[in-house]
Amino acid sequence: MKRVMFVCKKNSARSQMAEGFAKTLGKGKIEVISSGLEASLVRSEAIATMKDAGIDITDQHSKPLSDFQAQDFDVVISLCGCGVNLPPEWVTREVFEDWQLDDPAEQPEIFARVRDEIRERVTRLLQVTSVK
C-alpha cells in the first residue's frame, strides 16, 4: 500500500483538506497523512468547507514535517509551492508534485474553490497511485 504525505506551510488548511479527501476517497488503497513546515492549528474554515463536502476532518490535527522520515513515504505532495523549502530527501521520493494552490487562509472566500481543486487533484492522484 502506497504511503502519501501532503505537506504545506502550516498544515492548517490545504494539506488538511487533501488528507481528508485522500483518506475518504482512497480508503483501503493508500495510507495518508499531512504535515507542515511548521505546525499550527486546523483552521475552522477548512473544517466547515470539508463538512459542506460531506467529509469530517475534526479529528485531524496539525503536525510538523520534522516528526516524519521521508523514506517512510512513496508519494510527497506539496500544496503551497513550499517544495523549494523541503529537505532534498522529501522531493526525491518515488512521486513528488508541487501543486501550488492558492492559500485560502489569506482569502477565506476562496475556501470552497480551493477545496474543489484539491478534490479533483486528489482524485487524479489516486487513479495513478493506487494502481502502481
C-alpha atoms as a PDB file:
ATOM      1  CA  MET A   1       0.000   0.000   0.000  1.00  0.00           C
ATOM      2  CA  LYS A   2       1.403   3.391  -1.037  1.00  0.00           C
ATOM      3  CA  ARG A   3       2.054   5.952   1.701  1.00  0.00           C
ATOM      4  CA  VAL A   4       1.243   9.570   0.830  1.00  0.00           C
ATOM      5  CA  MET A   5       2.396  12.752   2.597  1.00  0.00           C
ATOM      6  CA  PHE A   6       0.637  16.055   1.903  1.00  0.00           C
ATOM      7  CA  VAL A   7       2.756  18.970   3.084  1.00  0.00           C
ATOM      8  CA  CYS A   8       2.116  22.704   3.321  1.00  0.00           C
ATOM      9  CA  LYS A   9       3.482  25.657   5.241  1.00  0.00           C
ATOM     10  CA  LYS A  10       1.433  25.360   8.429  1.00  0.00           C
ATOM     11  CA  ASN A  11      -0.685  22.216   7.895  1.00  0.00           C
ATOM     12  CA  SER A  12      -3.780  24.261   8.700  1.00  0.00           C
ATOM     13  CA  ALA A  13      -5.970  24.210   5.568  1.00  0.00           C
ATOM     14  CA  ARG A  14      -4.875  22.892   2.135  1.00  0.00           C
ATOM     15  CA  SER A  15      -2.914  19.870   3.340  1.00  0.00           C
ATOM     16  CA  GLN A  16      -5.629  19.067   5.893  1.00  0.00           C
ATOM     17  CA  MET A  17      -8.312  19.131   3.187  1.00  0.00           C
ATOM     18  CA  ALA A  18      -6.130  16.935   0.943  1.00  0.00           C
ATOM     19  CA  GLU A  19      -5.641  14.466   3.792  1.00  0.00           C
ATOM     20  CA  GLY A  20      -9.404  14.364   4.374  1.00  0.00           C
ATOM     21  CA  PHE A  21     -10.214  13.718   0.712  1.00  0.00           C
ATOM     22  CA  ALA A  22      -7.456  11.120   0.299  1.00  0.00           C
ATOM     23  CA  LYS A  23      -8.460   9.227   3.454  1.00  0.00           C
ATOM     24  CA  THR A  24     -12.071   9.131   2.293  1.00  0.00           C
ATOM     25  CA  LEU A  25     -11.631   8.580  -1.456  1.00  0.00           C
ATOM     26  CA  GLY A  26      -8.581   6.307  -1.102  1.00  0.00           C
ATOM     27  CA  LYS A  27      -9.779   4.248   1.859  1.00  0.00           C
ATOM     28  CA  GLY A  28      -8.186   0.812   1.741  1.00  0.00           C
ATOM     29  CA  LYS A  29      -5.952   1.795  -1.207  1.00  0.00           C
ATOM     30  CA  ILE A  30      -3.394   4.189   0.305  1.00  0.00           C
ATOM     31  CA  GLU A  31      -2.180   5.404   3.683  1.00  0.00           C
ATOM     32  CA  VAL A  32      -2.293   9.180   4.100  1.00  0.00           C
ATOM     33  CA  ILE A  33      -1.008  11.830   6.469  1.00  0.00           C
ATOM     34  CA  SER A  34      -0.366  15.552   6.235  1.00  0.00           C
ATOM     35  CA  SER A  35       2.134  17.872   7.849  1.00  0.00           C
ATOM     36  CA  GLY A  36       3.534  21.372   7.671  1.00  0.00           C
ATOM     37  CA  LEU A  37       6.926  23.013   7.576  1.00  0.00           C
ATOM     38  CA  GLU A  38       5.697  24.178  10.971  1.00  0.00           C
ATOM     39  CA  ALA A  39       2.670  23.006  12.939  1.00  0.00           C
ATOM     40  CA  SER A  40      -0.241  25.271  13.798  1.00  0.00           C
ATOM     41  CA  LEU A  41      -3.982  24.636  14.159  1.00  0.00           C
ATOM     42  CA  VAL A  42      -6.502  23.277  11.680  1.00  0.00           C
ATOM     43  CA  ARG A  43      -8.493  26.287  10.503  1.00  0.00           C
ATOM     44  CA  SER A  44     -12.191  26.308  11.336  1.00  0.00           C
ATOM     45  CA  GLU A  45     -12.933  27.347   7.726  1.00  0.00           C
ATOM     46  CA  ALA A  46     -11.202  24.172   6.468  1.00  0.00           C
ATOM     47  CA  ILE A  47     -13.291  22.029   8.806  1.00  0.00           C
ATOM     48  CA  ALA A  48     -16.500  23.824   7.747  1.00  0.00           C
ATOM     49  CA  THR A  49     -15.850  23.677   3.993  1.00  0.00           C
ATOM     50  CA  MET A  50     -14.979  19.985   4.202  1.00  0.00           C
ATOM     51  CA  LYS A  51     -18.167  19.351   6.181  1.00  0.00           C
ATOM     52  CA  ASP A  52     -20.038  21.047   3.313  1.00  0.00           C
ATOM     53  CA  ALA A  53     -18.435  18.428   1.028  1.00  0.00           C
ATOM     54  CA  GLY A  54     -19.555  15.603   3.327  1.00  0.00           C
ATOM     55  CA  ILE A  55     -16.170  14.910   4.935  1.00  0.00           C
ATOM     56  CA  ASP A  56     -15.453  15.310   8.646  1.00  0.00           C
ATOM     57  CA  ILE A  57     -11.866  16.366   9.432  1.00  0.00           C
ATOM     58  CA  THR A  58     -12.486  17.447  13.032  1.00  0.00           C
ATOM     59  CA  ASP A  59     -10.259  14.631  14.330  1.00  0.00           C
ATOM     60  CA  GLN A  60      -7.245  15.779  12.273  1.00  0.00           C
ATOM     61  CA  HIS A  61      -4.538  17.916  13.840  1.00  0.00           C
ATOM     62  CA  SER A  62      -1.562  19.889  12.601  1.00  0.00           C
ATOM     63  CA  LYS A  63       1.789  18.071  12.638  1.00  0.00           C
ATOM     64  CA  PRO A  64       5.331  19.266  11.839  1.00  0.00           C
ATOM     65  CA  LEU A  65       7.131  17.583   8.938  1.00  0.00           C
ATOM     66  CA  SER A  66      10.078  17.066  11.290  1.00  0.00           C
ATOM     67  CA  ASP A  67       8.041  14.357  13.074  1.00  0.00           C
ATOM     68  CA  PHE A  68       8.337  12.118   9.976  1.00  0.00           C
ATOM     69  CA  GLN A  69      11.011  10.382   7.902  1.00  0.00           C
ATOM     70  CA  ALA A  70      10.994  10.807   4.098  1.00  0.00           C
ATOM     71  CA  GLN A  71      11.869   7.161   3.456  1.00  0.00           C
ATOM     72  CA  ASP A  72       8.544   6.140   5.044  1.00  0.00           C
ATOM     73  CA  PHE A  73       6.601   7.687   2.142  1.00  0.00           C
ATOM     74  CA  ASP A  74       6.238   6.812  -1.548  1.00  0.00           C
ATOM     75  CA  VAL A  75       4.408   9.972  -2.607  1.00  0.00           C
ATOM     76  CA  VAL A  76       5.001  13.537  -1.401  1.00  0.00           C
ATOM     77  CA  ILE A  77       2.669  16.342  -2.464  1.00  0.00           C
ATOM     78  CA  SER A  78       3.346  19.994  -1.667  1.00  0.00           C
ATOM     79  CA  LEU A  79       0.210  22.111  -1.851  1.00  0.00           C
ATOM     80  CA  CYS A  80       1.682  25.572  -1.481  1.00  0.00           C
ATOM     81  CA  GLY A  81       4.791  25.816  -3.587  1.00  0.00           C
ATOM     82  CA  CYS A  82       6.851  25.018  -0.495  1.00  0.00           C
ATOM     83  CA  GLY A  83       8.676  22.217  -2.306  1.00  0.00           C
ATOM     84  CA  VAL A  84      11.685  24.503  -2.661  1.00  0.00           C
ATOM     85  CA  ASN A  85      11.854  24.668   1.144  1.00  0.00           C
ATOM     86  CA  LEU A  86      11.688  20.912   1.702  1.00  0.00           C
ATOM     87  CA  PRO A  87      14.800  18.934   2.577  1.00  0.00           C
ATOM     88  CA  PRO A  88      16.113  17.109  -0.546  1.00  0.00           C
ATOM     89  CA  GLU A  89      15.107  13.658   0.711  1.00  0.00           C
ATOM     90  CA  TRP A  90      11.439  14.696   0.522  1.00  0.00           C
ATOM     91  CA  VAL A  91      11.478  15.862  -3.110  1.00  0.00           C
ATOM     92  CA  THR A  92      13.293  12.752  -4.359  1.00  0.00           C
ATOM     93  CA  ARG A  93      10.610  10.228  -3.385  1.00  0.00           C
ATOM     94  CA  GLU A  94       9.032   7.915  -5.991  1.00  0.00           C
ATOM     95  CA  VAL A  95       6.459  10.640  -6.757  1.00  0.00           C
ATOM     96  CA  PHE A  96       6.823  14.325  -5.870  1.00  0.00           C
ATOM     97  CA  GLU A  97       4.397  17.003  -7.032  1.00  0.00           C
ATOM     98  CA  ASP A  98       4.124  20.677  -6.129  1.00  0.00           C
ATOM     99  CA  TRP A  99       0.512  21.730  -6.689  1.00  0.00           C
ATOM    100  CA  GLN A 100       0.959  25.423  -5.761  1.00  0.00           C
ATOM    101  CA  LEU A 101      -2.652  26.102  -4.807  1.00  0.00           C
ATOM    102  CA  ASP A 102      -3.909  29.497  -3.639  1.00  0.00           C
ATOM    103  CA  ASP A 103      -3.873  29.957   0.129  1.00  0.00           C
ATOM    104  CA  PRO A 104      -7.450  30.253   1.427  1.00  0.00           C
ATOM    105  CA  ALA A 105      -6.124  31.446   4.791  1.00  0.00           C
ATOM    106  CA  GLU A 106      -5.245  34.695   3.020  1.00  0.00           C
ATOM    107  CA  GLN A 107      -8.638  34.886   1.272  1.00  0.00           C
ATOM    108  CA  PRO A 108     -11.298  32.938   3.205  1.00  0.00           C
ATOM    109  CA  GLU A 109     -13.851  33.490   0.425  1.00  0.00           C
ATOM    110  CA  ILE A 110     -11.918  31.048  -1.808  1.00  0.00           C
ATOM    111  CA  PHE A 111     -12.035  28.069   0.598  1.00  0.00           C
ATOM    112  CA  ALA A 112     -14.724  26.244  -1.432  1.00  0.00           C
ATOM    113  CA  ARG A 113     -12.889  26.769  -4.739  1.00  0.00           C
ATOM    114  CA  VAL A 114      -9.575  25.562  -3.314  1.00  0.00           C
ATOM    115  CA  ARG A 115     -11.341  22.593  -1.672  1.00  0.00           C
ATOM    116  CA  ASP A 116     -12.827  21.591  -5.033  1.00  0.00           C
ATOM    117  CA  GLU A 117      -9.423  21.929  -6.758  1.00  0.00           C
ATOM    118  CA  ILE A 118      -7.906  19.696  -4.082  1.00  0.00           C
ATOM    119  CA  ARG A 119     -10.670  17.099  -4.536  1.00  0.00           C
ATOM    120  CA  GLU A 120     -10.009  16.987  -8.316  1.00  0.00           C
ATOM    121  CA  ARG A 121      -6.247  16.639  -7.844  1.00  0.00           C
ATOM    122  CA  VAL A 122      -6.557  14.007  -5.111  1.00  0.00           C
ATOM    123  CA  THR A 123      -8.950  12.028  -7.332  1.00  0.00           C
ATOM    124  CA  ARG A 124      -6.404  12.114 -10.200  1.00  0.00           C
ATOM    125  CA  LEU A 125      -3.571  11.211  -7.826  1.00  0.00           C
ATOM    126  CA  LEU A 126      -5.499   8.210  -6.522  1.00  0.00           C
ATOM    127  CA  GLN A 127      -6.117   6.985 -10.068  1.00  0.00           C
ATOM    128  CA  VAL A 128      -2.385   6.806 -10.784  1.00  0.00           C
ATOM    129  CA  THR A 129      -1.070   5.990  -7.307  1.00  0.00           C
ATOM    130  CA  SER A 130      -3.304   3.142  -6.222  1.00  0.00           C
ATOM    131  CA  VAL A 131      -2.689   1.076  -9.368  1.00  0.00           C
ATOM    132  CA  LYS A 132       1.098   1.015  -9.016  1.00  0.00           C
END
